[in-house]
């Protein structure tokens, strides 16, 4: 039997069928609320707020890091240091493609030695970006602790525990 084009969707129905399924996880208000909740959680977990160093991972983590720092300032009156950390050169999943991935800006205003680093990304999926960020952080010193903040955890990874990593002092 020949392929009958009359059975295939046409027009708007065909476009909807071919379009990737998108789902809004958080709208603007939801993001603002989540950032405020995260800021309160950061305050509750850390006694030395002057030792905080908020680091955004490009692309989605950078605006979130800035919003988190602003929320922390609103809650505590303390201006925390905010940095941007490109993880491209530290990723283990980009080496075999043959293409050189574009590098993004890194802006780390000071060393992370003995600071509590709060790594901020928009989505935590496989953990590769966070692992790469921890490797990259070591080029800027030895943090006292690293805490990971992400707005979205895919449902498949609900069982993943995120823990603060304390580097050894060898």
C-alpha atoms as a PDB file:
ATOM      1  CA  UNK A   1       0.000   0.000   0.000  1.00  0.00           C
ATOM      2  CA  UNK A   2       1.409   3.372  -0.988  1.00  0.00           C
ATOM      3  CA  UNK A   3       1.944   6.134   1.542  1.00  0.00           C
ATOM      4  CA  UNK A   4      -1.335   8.062   1.606  1.00  0.00           C
ATOM      5  CA  UNK A   5      -0.521  11.737   2.262  1.00  0.00           C
ATOM      6  CA  UNK A   6      -4.164  12.361   3.119  1.00  0.00           C
ATOM      7  CA  UNK A   7      -3.583  10.540   6.434  1.00  0.00           C
ATOM      8  CA  UNK A   8      -0.641  12.745   7.488  1.00  0.00           C
ATOM      9  CA  UNK A   9      -1.390  15.833   9.598  1.00  0.00           C
ATOM     10  CA  UNK A  10      -1.302  19.145   7.747  1.00  0.00           C
ATOM     11  CA  UNK A  11      -0.937  22.809   8.732  1.00  0.00           C
ATOM     12  CA  UNK A  12      -1.099  23.712  12.429  1.00  0.00           C
ATOM     13  CA  UNK A  13      -1.644  20.104  13.486  1.00  0.00           C
ATOM     14  CA  UNK A  14       1.543  19.030  11.696  1.00  0.00           C
ATOM     15  CA  UNK A  15       3.539  21.879  13.268  1.00  0.00           C
ATOM     16  CA  UNK A  16       2.336  20.972  16.758  1.00  0.00           C
ATOM     17  CA  UNK A  17       3.188  17.331  16.173  1.00  0.00           C
ATOM     18  CA  UNK A  18       6.744  18.130  15.007  1.00  0.00           C
ATOM     19  CA  UNK A  19       7.436  20.789  17.656  1.00  0.00           C
ATOM     20  CA  UNK A  20       9.392  19.617  20.684  1.00  0.00           C
ATOM     21  CA  UNK A  21       7.249  19.212  23.736  1.00  0.00           C
ATOM     22  CA  UNK A  22       7.949  22.180  26.019  1.00  0.00           C
ATOM     23  CA  UNK A  23       6.812  22.456  29.562  1.00  0.00           C
ATOM     24  CA  UNK A  24       7.044  25.533  31.727  1.00  0.00           C
ATOM     25  CA  UNK A  25       8.525  24.371  35.009  1.00  0.00           C
ATOM     26  CA  UNK A  26       8.689  27.794  36.690  1.00  0.00           C
ATOM     27  CA  UNK A  27       7.371  31.134  35.485  1.00  0.00           C
ATOM     28  CA  UNK A  28       8.953  34.478  36.483  1.00  0.00           C
ATOM     29  CA  UNK A  29       7.049  34.669  39.759  1.00  0.00           C
ATOM     30  CA  UNK A  30       7.879  31.044  40.546  1.00  0.00           C
ATOM     31  CA  UNK A  31      11.572  31.704  39.917  1.00  0.00           C
ATOM     32  CA  UNK A  32      11.559  34.759  42.201  1.00  0.00           C
ATOM     33  CA  UNK A  33       9.838  32.789  44.949  1.00  0.00           C
ATOM     34  CA  UNK A  34      12.257  29.876  44.557  1.00  0.00           C
ATOM     35  CA  UNK A  35      15.289  32.183  44.723  1.00  0.00           C
ATOM     36  CA  UNK A  36      13.979  33.772  47.933  1.00  0.00           C
ATOM     37  CA  UNK A  37      13.393  30.322  49.458  1.00  0.00           C
ATOM     38  CA  UNK A  38      16.895  29.251  48.421  1.00  0.00           C
ATOM     39  CA  UNK A  39      18.368  32.436  49.932  1.00  0.00           C
ATOM     40  CA  UNK A  40      16.653  31.677  53.257  1.00  0.00           C
ATOM     41  CA  UNK A  41      17.979  28.110  53.086  1.00  0.00           C
ATOM     42  CA  UNK A  42      21.525  29.392  52.445  1.00  0.00           C
ATOM     43  CA  UNK A  43      21.236  31.731  55.452  1.00  0.00           C
ATOM     44  CA  UNK A  44      19.976  28.896  57.670  1.00  0.00           C
ATOM     45  CA  UNK A  45      22.768  26.521  56.609  1.00  0.00           C
ATOM     46  CA  UNK A  46      25.683  28.923  57.013  1.00  0.00           C
ATOM     47  CA  UNK A  47      26.833  30.711  60.150  1.00  0.00           C
ATOM     48  CA  UNK A  48      29.559  32.771  58.432  1.00  0.00           C
ATOM     49  CA  UNK A  49      27.639  34.717  55.805  1.00  0.00           C
ATOM     50  CA  UNK A  50      30.625  37.004  55.237  1.00  0.00           C
ATOM     51  CA  UNK A  51      32.458  33.927  53.937  1.00  0.00           C
ATOM     52  CA  UNK A  52      29.923  33.197  51.189  1.00  0.00           C
ATOM     53  CA  UNK A  53      30.967  33.302  47.559  1.00  0.00           C
ATOM     54  CA  UNK A  54      28.118  32.831  45.052  1.00  0.00           C
ATOM     55  CA  UNK A  55      29.300  31.451  41.703  1.00  0.00           C
ATOM     56  CA  UNK A  56      27.044  31.234  38.641  1.00  0.00           C
ATOM     57  CA  UNK A  57      27.628  28.677  35.908  1.00  0.00           C
ATOM     58  CA  UNK A  58      26.905  30.082  32.418  1.00  0.00           C
ATOM     59  CA  UNK A  59      24.386  30.433  30.911  1.00  0.00           C
ATOM     60  CA  UNK A  60      21.374  29.913  33.164  1.00  0.00           C
ATOM     61  CA  UNK A  61      23.222  29.985  36.472  1.00  0.00           C
ATOM     62  CA  UNK A  62      24.606  33.505  36.046  1.00  0.00           C
ATOM     63  CA  UNK A  63      21.339  35.476  36.309  1.00  0.00           C
ATOM     64  CA  UNK A  64      20.196  33.151  39.097  1.00  0.00           C
ATOM     65  CA  UNK A  65      23.441  33.751  41.022  1.00  0.00           C
ATOM     66  CA  UNK A  66      22.913  37.498  40.750  1.00  0.00           C
ATOM     67  CA  UNK A  67      19.298  37.166  41.917  1.00  0.00           C
ATOM     68  CA  UNK A  68      20.412  34.950  44.800  1.00  0.00           C
ATOM     69  CA  UNK A  69      23.057  37.475  45.876  1.00  0.00           C
ATOM     70  CA  UNK A  70      20.446  40.239  45.767  1.00  0.00           C
ATOM     71  CA  UNK A  71      18.024  38.158  47.849  1.00  0.00           C
ATOM     72  CA  UNK A  72      20.794  37.400  50.362  1.00  0.00           C
ATOM     73  CA  UNK A  73      21.537  41.128  50.636  1.00  0.00           C
ATOM     74  CA  UNK A  74      17.822  41.884  51.158  1.00  0.00           C
ATOM     75  CA  UNK A  75      17.583  39.274  53.920  1.00  0.00           C
ATOM     76  CA  UNK A  76      20.893  39.862  55.709  1.00  0.00           C
ATOM     77  CA  UNK A  77      22.190  43.261  54.608  1.00  0.00           C
ATOM     78  CA  UNK A  78      25.449  41.556  53.548  1.00  0.00           C
ATOM     79  CA  UNK A  79      26.855  41.974  50.047  1.00  0.00           C
ATOM     80  CA  UNK A  80      28.211  38.589  48.991  1.00  0.00           C
ATOM     81  CA  UNK A  81      30.846  38.149  46.313  1.00  0.00           C
ATOM     82  CA  UNK A  82      29.450  36.929  42.991  1.00  0.00           C
ATOM     83  CA  UNK A  83      31.542  35.191  40.356  1.00  0.00           C
ATOM     84  CA  UNK A  84      31.028  33.568  36.971  1.00  0.00           C
ATOM     85  CA  UNK A  85      32.768  30.273  36.239  1.00  0.00           C
ATOM     86  CA  UNK A  86      32.975  28.729  32.753  1.00  0.00           C
ATOM     87  CA  UNK A  87      33.221  24.951  32.972  1.00  0.00           C
ATOM     88  CA  UNK A  88      33.800  24.233  29.280  1.00  0.00           C
ATOM     89  CA  UNK A  89      37.469  23.232  29.535  1.00  0.00           C
ATOM     90  CA  UNK A  90      36.733  20.933  32.491  1.00  0.00           C
ATOM     91  CA  UNK A  91      33.900  18.909  30.980  1.00  0.00           C
ATOM     92  CA  UNK A  92      34.590  15.259  30.212  1.00  0.00           C
ATOM     93  CA  UNK A  93      31.808  14.929  27.641  1.00  0.00           C
ATOM     94  CA  UNK A  94      33.055  17.480  25.077  1.00  0.00           C
ATOM     95  CA  UNK A  95      36.450  16.044  24.146  1.00  0.00           C
ATOM     96  CA  UNK A  96      35.447  13.479  21.519  1.00  0.00           C
ATOM     97  CA  UNK A  97      33.364  15.674  19.224  1.00  0.00           C
ATOM     98  CA  UNK A  98      36.300  17.058  17.226  1.00  0.00           C
ATOM     99  CA  UNK A  99      34.879  20.576  17.454  1.00  0.00           C
ATOM    100  CA  UNK A 100      36.175  23.151  19.891  1.00  0.00           C
ATOM    101  CA  UNK A 101      33.284  24.343  22.035  1.00  0.00           C
ATOM    102  CA  UNK A 102      32.975  28.099  22.486  1.00  0.00           C
ATOM    103  CA  UNK A 103      34.458  29.395  25.710  1.00  0.00           C
ATOM    104  CA  UNK A 104      32.411  31.641  27.949  1.00  0.00           C
ATOM    105  CA  UNK A 105      33.471  34.386  30.278  1.00  0.00           C
ATOM    106  CA  UNK A 106      34.929  33.582  33.692  1.00  0.00           C
ATOM    107  CA  UNK A 107      34.905  36.394  36.254  1.00  0.00           C
ATOM    108  CA  UNK A 108      36.111  35.428  39.680  1.00  0.00           C
ATOM    109  CA  UNK A 109      36.733  38.673  41.616  1.00  0.00           C
ATOM    110  CA  UNK A 110      38.815  36.968  44.290  1.00  0.00           C
ATOM    111  CA  UNK A 111      40.172  33.604  45.395  1.00  0.00           C
ATOM    112  CA  UNK A 112      37.825  31.061  46.941  1.00  0.00           C
ATOM    113  CA  UNK A 113      40.281  30.014  49.660  1.00  0.00           C
ATOM    114  CA  UNK A 114      38.510  29.155  52.908  1.00  0.00           C
ATOM    115  CA  UNK A 115      35.183  30.485  51.544  1.00  0.00           C
ATOM    116  CA  UNK A 116      31.832  28.743  51.348  1.00  0.00           C
ATOM    117  CA  UNK A 117      31.136  28.565  47.620  1.00  0.00           C
ATOM    118  CA  UNK A 118      27.516  28.348  46.504  1.00  0.00           C
ATOM    119  CA  UNK A 119      27.539  26.997  42.928  1.00  0.00           C
ATOM    120  CA  UNK A 120      24.425  28.095  41.064  1.00  0.00           C
ATOM    121  CA  UNK A 121      23.035  26.519  37.902  1.00  0.00           C
ATOM    122  CA  UNK A 122      19.570  26.509  36.410  1.00  0.00           C
ATOM    123  CA  UNK A 123      19.204  22.730  35.941  1.00  0.00           C
ATOM    124  CA  UNK A 124      20.909  19.828  37.674  1.00  0.00           C
ATOM    125  CA  UNK A 125      20.751  16.880  35.325  1.00  0.00           C
ATOM    126  CA  UNK A 126      23.613  14.397  35.151  1.00  0.00           C
ATOM    127  CA  UNK A 127      25.978  16.186  37.531  1.00  0.00           C
ATOM    128  CA  UNK A 128      28.672  16.617  34.869  1.00  0.00           C
ATOM    129  CA  UNK A 129      28.498  20.415  34.926  1.00  0.00           C
ATOM    130  CA  UNK A 130      28.758  20.517  38.718  1.00  0.00           C
ATOM    131  CA  UNK A 131      31.713  18.107  38.653  1.00  0.00           C
ATOM    132  CA  UNK A 132      33.403  20.284  36.022  1.00  0.00           C
ATOM    133  CA  UNK A 133      32.681  23.401  38.092  1.00  0.00           C
ATOM    134  CA  UNK A 134      34.280  21.841  41.167  1.00  0.00           C
ATOM    135  CA  UNK A 135      37.371  21.020  39.127  1.00  0.00           C
ATOM    136  CA  UNK A 136      37.476  24.581  37.771  1.00  0.00           C
ATOM    137  CA  UNK A 137      37.029  26.035  41.257  1.00  0.00           C
ATOM    138  CA  UNK A 138      40.286  24.444  42.372  1.00  0.00           C
ATOM    139  CA  UNK A 139      42.107  26.815  39.989  1.00  0.00           C
ATOM    140  CA  UNK A 140      40.872  29.666  42.199  1.00  0.00           C
ATOM    141  CA  UNK A 141      41.835  28.204  45.567  1.00  0.00           C
ATOM    142  CA  UNK A 142      40.577  25.734  48.149  1.00  0.00           C
ATOM    143  CA  UNK A 143      37.054  26.469  49.355  1.00  0.00           C
ATOM    144  CA  UNK A 144      36.012  25.479  52.859  1.00  0.00           C
ATOM    145  CA  UNK A 145      32.841  23.953  51.408  1.00  0.00           C
ATOM    146  CA  UNK A 146      30.896  23.815  48.153  1.00  0.00           C
ATOM    147  CA  UNK A 147      27.109  23.914  48.142  1.00  0.00           C
ATOM    148  CA  UNK A 148      25.108  23.328  44.957  1.00  0.00           C
ATOM    149  CA  UNK A 149      21.958  25.241  44.078  1.00  0.00           C
ATOM    150  CA  UNK A 150      19.770  24.417  41.078  1.00  0.00           C
ATOM    151  CA  UNK A 151      16.212  25.432  40.317  1.00  0.00           C
ATOM    152  CA  UNK A 152      15.232  22.308  38.418  1.00  0.00           C
ATOM    153  CA  UNK A 153      15.981  18.699  39.246  1.00  0.00           C
ATOM    154  CA  UNK A 154      14.653  16.370  36.526  1.00  0.00           C
ATOM    155  CA  UNK A 155      12.097  13.957  37.920  1.00  0.00           C
ATOM    156  CA  UNK A 156      14.327  11.010  37.052  1.00  0.00           C
ATOM    157  CA  UNK A 157      16.942  12.280  39.508  1.00  0.00           C
ATOM    158  CA  UNK A 158      14.737  12.940  42.520  1.00  0.00           C
ATOM    159  CA  UNK A 159      16.699  10.333  44.497  1.00  0.00           C
ATOM    160  CA  UNK A 160      20.043  12.105  43.985  1.00  0.00           C
ATOM    161  CA  UNK A 161      21.391  13.604  47.198  1.00  0.00           C
ATOM    162  CA  UNK A 162      23.352  16.824  46.867  1.00  0.00           C
ATOM    163  CA  UNK A 163      25.955  17.151  49.573  1.00  0.00           C
ATOM    164  CA  UNK A 164      28.388  19.847  50.548  1.00  0.00           C
ATOM    165  CA  UNK A 165      31.882  18.839  49.517  1.00  0.00           C
ATOM    166  CA  UNK A 166      34.684  19.703  51.912  1.00  0.00           C
ATOM    167  CA  UNK A 167      38.101  19.504  50.253  1.00  0.00           C
ATOM    168  CA  UNK A 168      40.925  17.952  52.241  1.00  0.00           C
ATOM    169  CA  UNK A 169      43.664  20.210  53.604  1.00  0.00           C
ATOM    170  CA  UNK A 170      46.611  17.958  52.615  1.00  0.00           C
END
